[in-house]
Amino acid sequence: MRPKGFAIVGQSPSVLPCNFGYWLQRTPVAFFLARRAASSNSTPLLPRHHPPIRTPPPAHCHPTSSRRLLASESSSSPAWETVIGLEVHAQLSTTTKLFSPAPLASNASPNTSVDPFDAAIPGSLPLLNSECVRKAVVTALALNSNVQLVSSFDRKHYFYGDLPAGYQVTQLWEPVARGGWVDVGSLDGLVATKANGDGEEGRRVRLVQIQIEQDSGKTVQGITEGQSLIDLNRAGVGVLEIITEPDLRSSEEVVAFLKKLQRLLWYIKVSAADMDEGAWRCDVNVSVRPVGGPLGVRTEIKHLVKFTSIKEAIEYEVERQIALLQSGKPVEAETRGFDARLGTTFRMRSKEDSQDYRFMPEPDLPQILLTNEYVENVRFSLPEPLDERRARLLTHYALPHHQVEILLDEPGAVEYFETVANGRNGKKAANWVVGELFGWLRMRDLKLNACPVEPGRVGELIDMVEGGTLSGLRAKDALHLMMDGDARAAAAIAAEKGWVQVNDRGELETLCAELIIAHPKEASAVRQGKERLIKFFVGEVMKKTKGKSNPVMVAGIFKSKLS
């Protein structure tokens, strides 16, 4: 008989010992595990519960924020500053979880990638994934942070079904890195309103710390109303939490900062680029105050994923808090969610303080001890800094800014473009890669890493167009065939289709002379200044040669003969 109030989740986790199902029961003190005899068609039972409690920031690490001047409704009321702080959670791109050998499997069936430690089976112990530590050091160096040679883990206690142990392993007192900054300017999409400390237009966003922690499981809505299902595939996945200082100034600045940070993390191969896969989440702390006044009471908006939702949530919350203060009501310290359908925030619970989480040192994990040599070896492996890469594309290839941003936004796109542009005109190579190739990819809803056309074949198409052996139109047709799976070289496709252009100048001059004699009226009009009629003659040549003539060469011949 199924216990009342319990919901079926997925299938029996094959990674659990003895093939037993299990369930988690919330108690006022902690979770306990139980099991029932397994049968051929048994399924794990997990409890219904409210939306999970996520990690609020430690009190002393409260990220403060951004400032936006807002006009008050009354001319006698003060202007307001918006104060915004961020806690960014980026899932680490590793093959296994932070403390267990279970593989990362975002698309796997529920509860099929769960190790005994991930499910908090009594007696299971953590084993630190060294690749997670390395990626944390890579991130710290890329963000100009101070890598801590000694760091350690702590337990943060809270009780919900998607956190089987009743605590999260994180880093409070000794994080892997402290400090750091990210510069955000006009090239990052920021409309600067004030010079930063270096006298340049833009914003330097400082960081409080970077910490390694384990992710929780995932709670999803059940089939019936009030039913919640738990999937532990994500439980124990390594996550970096990046906490900012109070340096942002508006929702627009927040989005510009987050876009740059997200781009940087996948560029250094630390985290995935796809926000929809749950690899990227953001908590936003918002408060308002009169300009120049003390910090106001903050609210935290949890679990924001999309940039549009982040912007809308901040703007709504700012307006809500200002309206409260202007009406003489206080702003309550609370955790809020965001309803993307209504565009409003809503209360979830009162705000916790750090003592509510009963932090304690993690007894099952020793300190992480790094050496200066290890840190320098990681620093040596870093790729070209992102801002330097942008500057090089703008200056060396003389590309327009919008094309550079498109290349920087797609993983592997700069490398692809530079392979195509090697020994060729950079602007023309960019037009083919960004304009034509990416256009075909968008039509097929493909990412560049799934592109069937190698950069060498795109380069060959450009060479044939520039050499006059293939028209631009036919080159696009050839690229279309390549995108549809034709693995042949461009020259082979053009030859088989009969697209190779006639470039015998003598033969073309003879044909042009015959057409001038055959069309004296049009030839006379061209001589009198109506050069647009040259297109008529070019069209006649293309008819005679069945489209195989080089139209640029033909136009030049007519201009010389009719000038």
Protein backbone atom coordinates (compact mmCIF):
# COMPACT_ATOMS: atom_id res chain seq x y z
CA MET A 1 0.00 0.00 0.00
CA ARG A 2 1.40 3.37 -0.99
CA PRO A 3 1.92 5.79 1.96
CA LYS A 4 -0.53 8.67 1.89
CA GLY A 5 0.88 11.90 0.47
CA PHE A 6 3.73 10.25 -1.43
CA ALA A 7 4.39 10.63 -5.15
CA ILE A 8 5.98 8.25 -7.62
CA VAL A 9 9.22 9.49 -9.17
CA GLY A 10 10.91 7.95 -12.22
CA GLN A 11 12.23 4.43 -11.98
CA SER A 12 14.32 2.53 -9.45
CA PRO A 13 17.82 4.03 -9.43
CA SER A 14 20.06 1.27 -10.72
CA VAL A 15 23.04 2.84 -8.99
CA LEU A 16 21.60 2.30 -5.51
CA PRO A 17 22.86 -0.77 -3.62
CA CYS A 18 20.81 -3.95 -3.53
CA ASN A 19 18.47 -2.41 -6.14
CA PHE A 20 16.23 -1.11 -3.32
CA GLY A 21 13.94 1.83 -3.79
CA TYR A 22 14.06 4.51 -1.14
CA TRP A 23 12.14 7.48 0.10
CA LEU A 24 13.02 10.64 1.96
CA GLN A 25 10.85 11.93 4.77
CA ARG A 26 11.12 15.49 6.04
CA THR A 27 11.20 15.81 9.86
CA PRO A 28 11.67 18.85 12.08
CA VAL A 29 15.29 17.81 12.67
CA ALA A 30 16.60 15.97 9.63
CA PHE A 31 15.82 13.56 6.83
CA PHE A 32 15.80 9.87 7.40
CA LEU A 33 16.13 7.11 4.85
CA ALA A 34 14.01 4.03 4.68
CA ARG A 35 13.71 1.28 2.17
CA ARG A 36 11.24 -1.31 1.15
CA ALA A 37 11.64 -4.69 -0.45
CA ALA A 38 12.34 -4.36 -4.15
CA SER A 39 10.11 -6.01 -6.68
CA SER A 40 10.34 -6.25 -10.45
CA ASN A 41 7.97 -3.33 -10.92
CA SER A 42 8.71 -1.32 -7.79
CA THR A 43 9.38 2.38 -7.95
CA PRO A 44 11.03 4.75 -5.46
CA LEU A 45 8.63 6.75 -3.35
CA LEU A 46 9.50 10.32 -2.46
CA PRO A 47 7.53 12.82 -0.38
CA ARG A 48 5.45 15.70 -1.49
CA HIS A 49 6.79 19.01 -0.36
CA HIS A 50 6.82 22.70 -1.02
CA PRO A 51 9.30 24.34 -3.46
CA PRO A 52 12.89 23.70 -2.29
CA ILE A 53 14.79 26.18 -0.16
CA ARG A 54 17.90 27.31 -1.99
CA THR A 55 21.05 28.84 -0.62
CA PRO A 56 20.74 32.44 0.58
CA PRO A 57 24.01 34.36 0.84
CA PRO A 58 25.94 34.53 4.11
CA ALA A 59 25.10 37.74 5.94
CA HIS A 60 28.60 39.15 5.66
CA CYS A 61 28.73 38.31 1.95
CA HIS A 62 25.55 40.19 1.03
CA PRO A 63 26.24 41.30 -2.52
CA THR A 64 25.22 44.87 -2.83
CA SER A 65 24.54 46.46 -5.83
CA SER A 66 23.72 48.50 -8.66
CA ARG A 67 22.32 51.97 -8.66
CA ARG A 68 19.62 53.47 -10.86
CA LEU A 69 18.25 56.96 -10.39
CA LEU A 70 14.47 57.01 -10.48
CA ALA A 71 12.24 60.08 -10.56
CA SER A 72 9.74 60.07 -7.73
CA GLU A 73 6.09 60.75 -8.26
CA SER A 74 6.25 63.86 -6.06
CA SER A 75 8.72 66.67 -6.72
CA SER A 76 9.32 66.89 -2.95
CA SER A 77 10.22 63.17 -2.67
CA PRO A 78 13.86 62.07 -2.89
CA ALA A 79 15.40 60.35 -5.87
CA TRP A 80 16.14 56.68 -5.28
CA GLU A 81 19.17 54.48 -5.75
CA THR A 82 18.68 50.84 -6.65
CA VAL A 83 21.07 48.47 -4.90
CA ILE A 84 21.50 45.06 -6.56
CA GLY A 85 23.76 42.15 -5.67
CA LEU A 86 24.20 38.88 -7.51
CA GLU A 87 24.90 35.28 -6.62
CA VAL A 88 25.63 33.38 -9.81
CA HIS A 89 25.50 29.59 -9.77
CA ALA A 90 27.34 28.01 -12.71
CA GLN A 91 27.32 24.24 -13.11
CA LEU A 92 30.80 22.84 -13.77
CA SER A 93 31.31 20.99 -17.06
CA THR A 94 32.87 17.80 -15.73
CA THR A 95 32.19 14.18 -16.58
CA THR A 96 31.37 13.16 -13.00
CA LYS A 97 29.86 14.82 -9.95
CA LEU A 98 31.67 16.80 -7.26
CA PHE A 99 31.96 14.07 -4.61
CA SER A 100 30.96 10.89 -6.42
CA PRO A 101 31.73 8.93 -9.62
CA ALA A 102 28.15 9.28 -10.89
CA PRO A 103 28.15 10.82 -14.41
CA LEU A 104 26.50 14.13 -15.26
CA ALA A 105 23.35 13.22 -17.16
CA SER A 106 21.00 16.15 -17.64
CA ASN A 107 18.88 14.30 -20.21
CA ALA A 108 18.83 10.90 -18.49
CA SER A 109 15.70 9.31 -17.05
CA PRO A 110 14.93 10.50 -13.51
CA ASN A 111 17.01 9.03 -10.69
CA THR A 112 19.24 6.93 -12.95
CA SER A 113 22.50 8.80 -12.35
CA VAL A 114 22.64 8.67 -8.55
CA ASP A 115 25.53 7.41 -6.43
CA PRO A 116 24.96 6.29 -2.81
CA PHE A 117 26.65 9.49 -1.59
CA ASP A 118 24.36 11.65 -3.76
CA ALA A 119 21.36 9.96 -2.15
CA ALA A 120 22.89 10.30 1.36
CA ILE A 121 22.97 6.55 1.96
CA PRO A 122 24.35 6.08 5.51
CA GLY A 123 28.03 5.12 5.46
CA SER A 124 28.78 6.60 2.03
CA LEU A 125 31.68 9.08 1.96
CA PRO A 126 32.63 11.91 -0.42
CA LEU A 127 35.59 11.75 -2.80
CA LEU A 128 36.56 15.16 -4.18
CA ASN A 129 36.67 15.50 -7.97
CA SER A 130 40.03 17.18 -8.70
CA GLU A 131 38.79 18.48 -12.06
CA CYS A 132 36.20 20.59 -10.22
CA VAL A 133 39.01 22.19 -8.22
CA ARG A 134 40.99 22.87 -11.37
CA LYS A 135 38.04 24.52 -13.10
CA ALA A 136 37.47 26.66 -10.02
CA VAL A 137 41.10 27.84 -10.18
CA VAL A 138 40.75 28.53 -13.91
CA THR A 139 37.68 30.65 -13.20
CA ALA A 140 39.40 32.53 -10.39
CA LEU A 141 42.37 33.42 -12.59
CA ALA A 142 40.14 34.46 -15.49
CA LEU A 143 38.17 36.73 -13.13
CA ASN A 144 41.31 38.33 -11.63
CA SER A 145 40.60 36.70 -8.26
CA ASN A 146 43.10 35.70 -5.57
CA VAL A 147 43.36 31.91 -5.51
CA GLN A 148 43.52 30.65 -1.93
CA LEU A 149 46.24 28.04 -1.46
CA VAL A 150 44.25 26.66 1.50
CA SER A 151 40.49 26.21 1.26
CA SER A 152 37.96 23.95 2.91
CA PHE A 153 34.36 22.76 2.83
CA ASP A 154 31.49 23.43 5.24
CA ARG A 155 28.05 22.01 5.83
CA LYS A 156 25.05 24.28 5.38
CA HIS A 157 21.91 22.76 6.87
CA TYR A 158 18.44 23.02 5.46
CA PHE A 159 15.77 20.43 4.98
CA TYR A 160 13.97 19.63 1.76
CA GLY A 161 13.40 16.52 -0.27
CA ASP A 162 15.75 17.43 -3.11
CA LEU A 163 18.63 17.64 -0.60
CA PRO A 164 18.72 14.11 0.81
CA ALA A 165 21.45 14.64 3.42
CA GLY A 166 19.69 17.61 5.02
CA TYR A 167 22.71 19.79 4.33
CA GLN A 168 24.68 21.18 1.40
CA VAL A 169 28.46 20.91 1.18
CA THR A 170 29.72 24.39 0.32
CA GLN A 171 32.50 26.84 1.22
CA LEU A 172 31.76 29.64 3.68
CA TRP A 173 34.84 30.41 5.75
CA GLU A 174 37.62 29.30 3.41
CA PRO A 175 36.51 29.64 -0.25
CA VAL A 176 38.71 28.66 -3.15
CA ALA A 177 39.13 32.31 -4.24
CA ARG A 178 38.50 35.81 -2.94
CA GLY A 179 38.15 39.16 -4.68
CA GLY A 180 38.42 39.73 -8.41
CA TRP A 181 36.56 41.84 -10.91
CA VAL A 182 34.89 41.95 -14.33
CA ASP A 183 34.99 45.12 -16.45
CA VAL A 184 31.78 45.80 -18.38
CA GLY A 185 31.71 48.53 -21.02
CA SER A 186 29.98 49.73 -24.15
CA LEU A 187 31.41 46.88 -26.22
CA ASP A 188 29.60 44.50 -23.86
CA GLY A 189 26.28 46.22 -24.58
CA LEU A 190 26.42 48.58 -21.62
CA VAL A 191 25.23 52.14 -22.12
CA ALA A 192 27.65 53.89 -19.79
CA THR A 193 26.33 56.69 -17.60
CA LYS A 194 29.29 57.31 -15.35
CA ALA A 195 33.06 56.84 -15.53
CA ASN A 196 34.46 54.06 -13.41
CA GLY A 197 37.41 54.38 -11.10
CA ASP A 198 39.88 54.24 -13.98
CA GLY A 199 38.32 57.20 -15.75
CA GLU A 200 36.81 55.12 -18.56
CA GLU A 201 33.16 54.80 -19.46
CA GLY A 202 31.84 51.52 -18.08
CA ARG A 203 31.56 49.58 -14.86
CA ARG A 204 34.04 47.49 -12.88
CA VAL A 205 32.09 44.84 -11.00
CA ARG A 206 34.07 43.53 -8.05
CA LEU A 207 33.66 40.05 -6.63
CA VAL A 208 33.41 38.99 -2.98
CA GLN A 209 34.40 35.36 -3.41
CA ILE A 210 34.16 32.24 -5.55
CA GLN A 211 33.18 28.99 -3.85
CA ILE A 212 32.74 25.36 -4.83
CA GLU A 213 29.55 23.62 -3.74
CA GLN A 214 27.30 20.71 -4.59
CA ASP A 215 24.00 21.19 -6.36
CA SER A 216 20.71 19.90 -5.02
CA GLY A 217 18.33 17.60 -6.81
CA LYS A 218 15.45 18.90 -8.88
CA THR A 219 11.81 19.21 -7.85
CA VAL A 220 9.25 19.12 -10.66
CA GLN A 221 5.49 19.47 -10.71
CA GLY A 222 3.68 16.16 -10.63
CA ILE A 223 0.85 14.96 -12.82
CA THR A 224 -1.84 15.75 -10.29
CA GLU A 225 -2.40 19.05 -8.48
CA GLY A 226 -0.27 19.44 -5.37
CA GLN A 227 2.07 16.61 -6.33
CA SER A 228 5.83 17.25 -6.43
CA LEU A 229 8.34 14.81 -7.89
CA ILE A 230 12.03 14.60 -7.02
CA ASP A 231 14.83 13.79 -9.47
CA LEU A 232 18.26 13.29 -7.88
CA ASN A 233 20.24 13.15 -11.14
CA ARG A 234 21.43 16.72 -10.47
CA ALA A 235 22.13 16.12 -6.77
CA GLY A 236 25.85 16.40 -6.09
CA VAL A 237 26.80 18.06 -9.38
CA GLY A 238 29.67 20.53 -8.91
CA VAL A 239 28.68 24.21 -8.95
CA LEU A 240 30.63 27.45 -8.69
CA GLU A 241 28.93 30.24 -6.78
CA ILE A 242 30.23 33.69 -7.73
CA ILE A 243 29.19 36.51 -5.38
CA THR A 244 29.50 40.13 -6.46
CA GLU A 245 30.28 43.32 -4.57
CA PRO A 246 27.89 46.34 -4.67
CA ASP A 247 29.02 47.79 -7.99
CA LEU A 248 26.16 47.42 -10.48
CA ARG A 249 23.79 50.28 -11.20
CA SER A 250 20.71 49.09 -13.12
CA SER A 251 18.92 46.07 -14.54
CA GLU A 252 20.62 46.78 -17.88
CA GLU A 253 24.02 46.64 -16.20
CA VAL A 254 23.10 43.39 -14.47
CA VAL A 255 22.17 41.76 -17.78
CA ALA A 256 25.33 43.08 -19.51
CA PHE A 257 27.47 41.73 -16.66
CA LEU A 258 25.76 38.34 -16.63
CA LYS A 259 26.03 37.93 -20.40
CA LYS A 260 29.74 38.68 -20.26
CA LEU A 261 30.26 36.34 -17.30
CA GLN A 262 28.35 33.53 -18.97
CA ARG A 263 30.32 33.99 -22.19
CA LEU A 264 33.58 33.94 -20.24
CA LEU A 265 32.72 30.73 -18.37
CA TRP A 266 31.99 28.69 -21.48
CA TYR A 267 34.93 30.29 -23.30
CA ILE A 268 37.34 28.96 -20.64
CA LYS A 269 35.47 25.61 -20.76
CA VAL A 270 34.24 25.80 -17.17
CA SER A 271 30.48 25.82 -17.73
CA ALA A 272 28.02 25.21 -20.54
CA ALA A 273 26.56 28.00 -22.64
CA ASP A 274 22.98 26.72 -22.61
CA MET A 275 20.94 28.37 -19.85
CA ASP A 276 17.93 26.16 -20.61
CA GLU A 277 19.75 23.05 -19.41
CA GLY A 278 19.96 24.36 -15.85
CA ALA A 279 23.71 24.98 -16.05
CA TRP A 280 23.26 28.62 -15.11
CA ARG A 281 21.12 30.22 -12.41
CA CYS A 282 21.16 33.56 -10.67
CA ASP A 283 19.83 34.91 -7.38
CA VAL A 284 19.36 38.69 -7.27
CA ASN A 285 19.40 40.78 -4.09
CA VAL A 286 17.53 44.07 -4.52
CA SER A 287 17.10 47.08 -2.25
CA VAL A 288 16.46 50.78 -2.74
CA ARG A 289 17.46 53.85 -0.75
CA PRO A 290 17.41 57.63 -1.07
CA VAL A 291 20.44 58.79 -3.04
CA GLY A 292 23.45 58.81 -0.73
CA GLY A 293 21.53 57.22 2.16
CA PRO A 294 22.28 54.00 4.06
CA LEU A 295 21.57 50.63 2.49
CA GLY A 296 17.91 49.68 2.49
CA VAL A 297 16.29 46.38 3.41
CA ARG A 298 16.95 43.84 0.68
CA THR A 299 14.85 41.11 -0.84
CA GLU A 300 16.27 38.13 -2.67
CA ILE A 301 14.71 36.92 -5.94
CA LYS A 302 15.56 33.25 -6.39
CA HIS A 303 16.25 30.94 -9.31
CA LEU A 304 16.28 33.33 -12.25
CA VAL A 305 17.55 31.78 -15.45
CA LYS A 306 16.71 33.83 -18.52
CA PHE A 307 18.12 37.31 -19.04
CA THR A 308 14.68 38.73 -19.86
CA SER A 309 13.29 37.36 -16.59
CA ILE A 310 16.22 38.81 -14.64
CA LYS A 311 15.65 42.26 -16.11
CA GLU A 312 11.88 42.20 -15.61
CA ALA A 313 12.16 40.87 -12.05
CA ILE A 314 14.60 43.61 -11.01
CA GLU A 315 12.52 46.38 -12.54
CA TYR A 316 9.30 45.15 -10.97
CA GLU A 317 10.89 44.69 -7.55
CA VAL A 318 12.45 48.18 -7.62
CA GLU A 319 9.08 49.74 -8.40
CA ARG A 320 7.39 47.66 -5.71
CA GLN A 321 9.87 48.69 -3.01
CA ILE A 322 9.79 52.38 -3.95
CA ALA A 323 5.98 52.35 -3.85
CA LEU A 324 6.09 50.80 -0.34
CA LEU A 325 8.58 53.36 0.96
CA GLN A 326 6.75 56.30 -0.58
CA SER A 327 3.54 55.15 1.10
CA GLY A 328 5.29 54.93 4.48
CA LYS A 329 5.36 51.12 4.63
CA PRO A 330 8.54 49.12 5.35
CA VAL A 331 10.22 46.72 2.95
CA GLU A 332 10.41 43.26 4.51
CA ALA A 333 13.55 41.13 4.30
CA GLU A 334 12.25 38.12 2.42
CA THR A 335 12.91 35.62 -0.33
CA ARG A 336 10.73 36.11 -3.40
CA GLY A 337 10.10 34.25 -6.62
CA PHE A 338 9.33 35.63 -10.08
CA ASP A 339 6.22 34.85 -12.12
CA ALA A 340 7.36 35.28 -15.73
CA ARG A 341 3.77 35.05 -17.00
CA LEU A 342 2.57 37.98 -14.88
CA GLY A 343 5.90 39.81 -14.76
CA THR A 344 5.68 40.13 -10.95
CA THR A 345 7.60 38.89 -7.93
CA PHE A 346 5.86 37.02 -5.09
CA ARG A 347 6.72 36.19 -1.49
CA MET A 348 8.13 32.71 -0.83
CA ARG A 349 9.34 32.95 2.78
CA SER A 350 11.05 35.25 5.27
CA LYS A 351 14.78 35.84 4.82
CA GLU A 352 17.15 33.52 6.67
CA ASP A 353 20.37 34.60 8.39
CA SER A 354 23.60 32.62 8.31
CA GLN A 355 23.01 31.24 11.83
CA ASP A 356 19.78 29.65 10.62
CA TYR A 357 21.84 27.30 8.48
CA ARG A 358 24.00 26.05 11.37
CA PHE A 359 27.22 26.13 9.35
CA MET A 360 29.90 23.71 10.52
CA PRO A 361 33.18 22.42 9.03
CA GLU A 362 32.73 19.38 6.79
CA PRO A 363 34.23 16.52 8.86
CA ASP A 364 34.53 14.03 5.98
CA LEU A 365 36.71 16.20 3.72
CA PRO A 366 40.22 17.51 4.40
CA GLN A 367 41.40 20.96 3.39
CA ILE A 368 42.30 21.63 -0.26
CA LEU A 369 46.03 22.43 -0.35
CA LEU A 370 47.32 24.02 -3.55
CA THR A 371 50.86 25.09 -4.44
CA ASN A 372 52.04 28.18 -6.28
CA GLU A 373 53.43 25.92 -8.98
CA TYR A 374 49.99 24.34 -9.52
CA VAL A 375 48.34 27.76 -9.81
CA GLU A 376 50.96 29.01 -12.28
CA ASN A 377 50.59 25.89 -14.43
CA VAL A 378 46.84 26.52 -14.59
CA ARG A 379 47.47 30.19 -15.42
CA PHE A 380 49.76 29.14 -18.29
CA SER A 381 46.94 27.00 -19.77
CA LEU A 382 44.43 29.88 -19.92
CA PRO A 383 43.27 30.96 -23.39
CA GLU A 384 43.62 34.46 -24.77
CA PRO A 385 41.71 36.91 -22.52
CA LEU A 386 38.24 37.56 -23.87
CA ASP A 387 38.60 41.35 -24.09
CA GLU A 388 41.92 40.98 -25.91
CA ARG A 389 40.35 38.54 -28.36
CA ARG A 390 37.58 41.03 -29.15
CA ALA A 391 40.10 43.85 -29.66
CA ARG A 392 42.17 41.68 -31.98
CA LEU A 393 39.19 40.74 -34.14
CA LEU A 394 38.20 44.39 -34.39
CA THR A 395 41.66 45.65 -35.34
CA HIS A 396 43.46 42.79 -37.13
CA TYR A 397 40.54 41.78 -39.35
CA ALA A 398 38.78 45.18 -39.34
CA LEU A 399 35.46 43.48 -38.62
CA PRO A 400 32.38 45.48 -37.58
CA HIS A 401 31.42 45.19 -33.92
CA HIS A 402 28.18 43.28 -34.53
CA GLN A 403 30.02 40.52 -36.42
CA VAL A 404 32.62 40.24 -33.66
CA GLU A 405 29.88 39.84 -31.05
CA ILE A 406 28.21 37.11 -33.09
CA LEU A 407 31.52 35.24 -33.31
CA LEU A 408 32.19 35.66 -29.59
CA ASP A 409 28.68 34.46 -28.70
CA GLU A 410 29.05 31.04 -30.34
CA PRO A 411 31.46 28.49 -28.84
CA GLY A 412 34.16 27.66 -31.40
CA ALA A 413 33.07 30.37 -33.84
CA VAL A 414 36.24 32.49 -33.59
CA GLU A 415 38.43 29.45 -34.24
CA TYR A 416 36.26 28.46 -37.20
CA PHE A 417 36.36 31.97 -38.65
CA GLU A 418 40.13 32.34 -38.25
CA THR A 419 40.69 29.03 -40.04
CA VAL A 420 38.57 30.27 -42.95
CA ALA A 421 40.24 33.71 -42.91
CA ASN A 422 43.79 32.33 -42.90
CA GLY A 423 45.43 33.78 -46.03
CA ARG A 424 42.19 35.40 -47.16
CA ASN A 425 40.41 38.73 -46.80
CA GLY A 426 39.06 38.83 -43.24
CA LYS A 427 35.94 40.84 -44.03
CA LYS A 428 34.92 38.55 -46.87
CA ALA A 429 35.57 35.49 -44.73
CA ALA A 430 33.41 36.97 -41.95
CA ASN A 431 30.60 37.69 -44.41
CA TRP A 432 30.58 34.07 -45.48
CA VAL A 433 30.86 32.61 -41.97
CA VAL A 434 28.56 35.02 -40.10
CA GLY A 435 26.18 35.87 -42.91
CA GLU A 436 25.84 32.72 -45.00
CA LEU A 437 26.97 29.78 -42.84
CA PHE A 438 25.35 30.96 -39.61
CA GLY A 439 22.20 31.79 -41.56
CA TRP A 440 21.92 28.21 -42.77
CA LEU A 441 22.61 26.94 -39.24
CA ARG A 442 19.83 29.09 -37.80
CA MET A 443 17.39 27.84 -40.44
CA ARG A 444 18.19 24.28 -39.37
CA ASP A 445 18.25 25.11 -35.65
CA LEU A 446 21.81 23.83 -35.36
CA LYS A 447 24.77 24.92 -33.27
CA LEU A 448 28.17 25.41 -34.87
CA ASN A 449 29.52 22.26 -33.22
CA ALA A 450 26.97 20.31 -35.27
CA CYS A 451 27.87 22.02 -38.56
CA PRO A 452 28.61 19.46 -41.32
CA VAL A 453 30.76 21.90 -43.34
CA GLU A 454 34.43 22.12 -42.41
CA PRO A 455 36.13 25.55 -42.52
CA GLY A 456 38.44 24.33 -45.30
CA ARG A 457 35.52 23.80 -47.67
CA VAL A 458 34.12 27.26 -46.90
CA GLY A 459 37.55 28.68 -47.67
CA GLU A 460 37.59 26.85 -50.99
CA LEU A 461 34.24 28.40 -51.92
CA ILE A 462 35.62 31.86 -51.18
CA ASP A 463 38.71 31.15 -53.29
CA MET A 464 36.59 30.04 -56.25
CA VAL A 465 34.41 33.18 -56.03
CA GLU A 466 37.43 35.47 -55.73
CA GLY A 467 39.17 33.63 -58.57
CA GLY A 468 36.15 34.06 -60.85
CA THR A 469 35.54 30.37 -61.39
CA LEU A 470 32.29 30.35 -59.42
CA SER A 471 29.67 33.06 -59.04
CA GLY A 472 28.60 34.19 -55.60
CA LEU A 473 25.08 32.91 -56.23
CA ARG A 474 26.30 29.46 -57.25
CA ALA A 475 28.68 29.40 -54.28
CA LYS A 476 25.70 29.87 -51.98
CA ASP A 477 23.95 27.00 -53.77
CA ALA A 478 27.03 24.84 -53.22
CA LEU A 479 27.07 25.75 -49.52
CA HIS A 480 23.40 24.77 -49.33
CA LEU A 481 24.25 21.32 -50.73
CA MET A 482 27.10 20.95 -48.26
CA MET A 483 24.77 21.81 -45.38
CA ASP A 484 22.38 19.13 -46.64
CA GLY A 485 25.11 16.52 -46.37
CA ASP A 486 27.12 16.69 -49.62
CA ALA A 487 30.65 15.91 -48.39
CA ARG A 488 32.43 16.75 -51.66
CA ALA A 489 34.81 19.65 -52.16
CA ALA A 490 33.45 22.87 -53.64
CA ALA A 491 35.25 22.33 -56.97
CA ALA A 492 33.75 18.86 -57.38
CA ILE A 493 30.22 20.12 -56.71
CA ALA A 494 30.64 23.05 -59.15
CA ALA A 495 32.00 20.78 -61.89
CA GLU A 496 29.24 18.20 -61.50
CA LYS A 497 26.53 20.88 -61.56
CA GLY A 498 28.07 22.74 -64.50
CA TRP A 499 28.56 25.90 -62.46
CA VAL A 500 32.19 26.56 -63.33
CA GLN A 501 32.37 29.96 -65.03
CA VAL A 502 33.89 30.70 -68.42
CA ASN A 503 36.93 32.94 -67.90
CA ASP A 504 38.42 32.85 -71.41
CA ARG A 505 38.66 36.59 -72.06
CA GLY A 506 39.17 36.22 -75.79
CA GLU A 507 36.07 34.09 -76.17
CA LEU A 508 34.02 36.50 -74.07
CA GLU A 509 35.23 39.57 -76.01
CA THR A 510 34.16 37.96 -79.29
CA LEU A 511 30.72 37.21 -77.86
CA CYS A 512 30.37 40.75 -76.46
CA ALA A 513 31.29 42.29 -79.81
CA GLU A 514 28.62 40.21 -81.56
CA LEU A 515 25.98 41.34 -79.07
CA ILE A 516 26.90 45.01 -79.53
CA ILE A 517 26.36 44.65 -83.28
CA ALA A 518 23.11 42.78 -82.68
CA HIS A 519 21.75 45.50 -80.34
CA PRO A 520 22.84 48.88 -81.79
CA LYS A 521 20.10 50.89 -80.05
CA GLU A 522 21.09 49.70 -76.58
CA ALA A 523 24.79 50.11 -77.37
CA SER A 524 24.18 53.73 -78.45
CA ALA A 525 22.27 54.42 -75.23
CA VAL A 526 25.20 53.11 -73.15
CA ARG A 527 27.61 55.36 -75.07
CA GLN A 528 25.32 58.31 -74.28
CA GLY A 529 25.65 57.64 -70.53
CA LYS A 530 22.94 55.09 -69.71
CA GLU A 531 25.36 52.62 -68.12
CA ARG A 532 22.57 50.72 -66.40
CA LEU A 533 21.91 49.10 -69.77
CA ILE A 534 25.20 47.23 -69.38
CA LYS A 535 23.20 44.83 -67.20
CA PHE A 536 21.11 44.07 -70.29
CA PHE A 537 24.21 43.02 -72.23
CA VAL A 538 25.53 40.99 -69.28
CA GLY A 539 22.21 39.18 -69.14
CA GLU A 540 22.40 38.36 -72.85
CA VAL A 541 25.88 36.90 -72.40
CA MET A 542 24.67 34.79 -69.48
CA LYS A 543 21.86 33.44 -71.69
CA LYS A 544 24.29 32.56 -74.45
CA THR A 545 26.69 30.78 -72.07
CA LYS A 546 23.93 29.21 -69.92
CA GLY A 547 25.06 31.11 -66.86
CA LYS A 548 28.67 29.99 -67.02
CA SER A 549 30.27 33.35 -67.81
CA ASN A 550 31.95 35.49 -65.20
CA PRO A 551 29.51 38.44 -64.92
CA VAL A 552 32.14 40.77 -63.45
CA MET A 553 34.52 40.13 -66.34
CA VAL A 554 31.70 40.48 -68.89
CA ALA A 555 30.60 43.84 -67.44
CA GLY A 556 34.18 45.08 -67.61
CA ILE A 557 34.47 44.08 -71.27
CA PHE A 558 31.27 45.94 -72.20
CA LYS A 559 32.38 49.05 -70.31
CA SER A 560 35.69 49.11 -72.19
CA LYS A 561 34.04 48.54 -75.59
CA LEU A 562 31.23 51.05 -75.11
CA SER A 563 33.13 53.84 -73.37
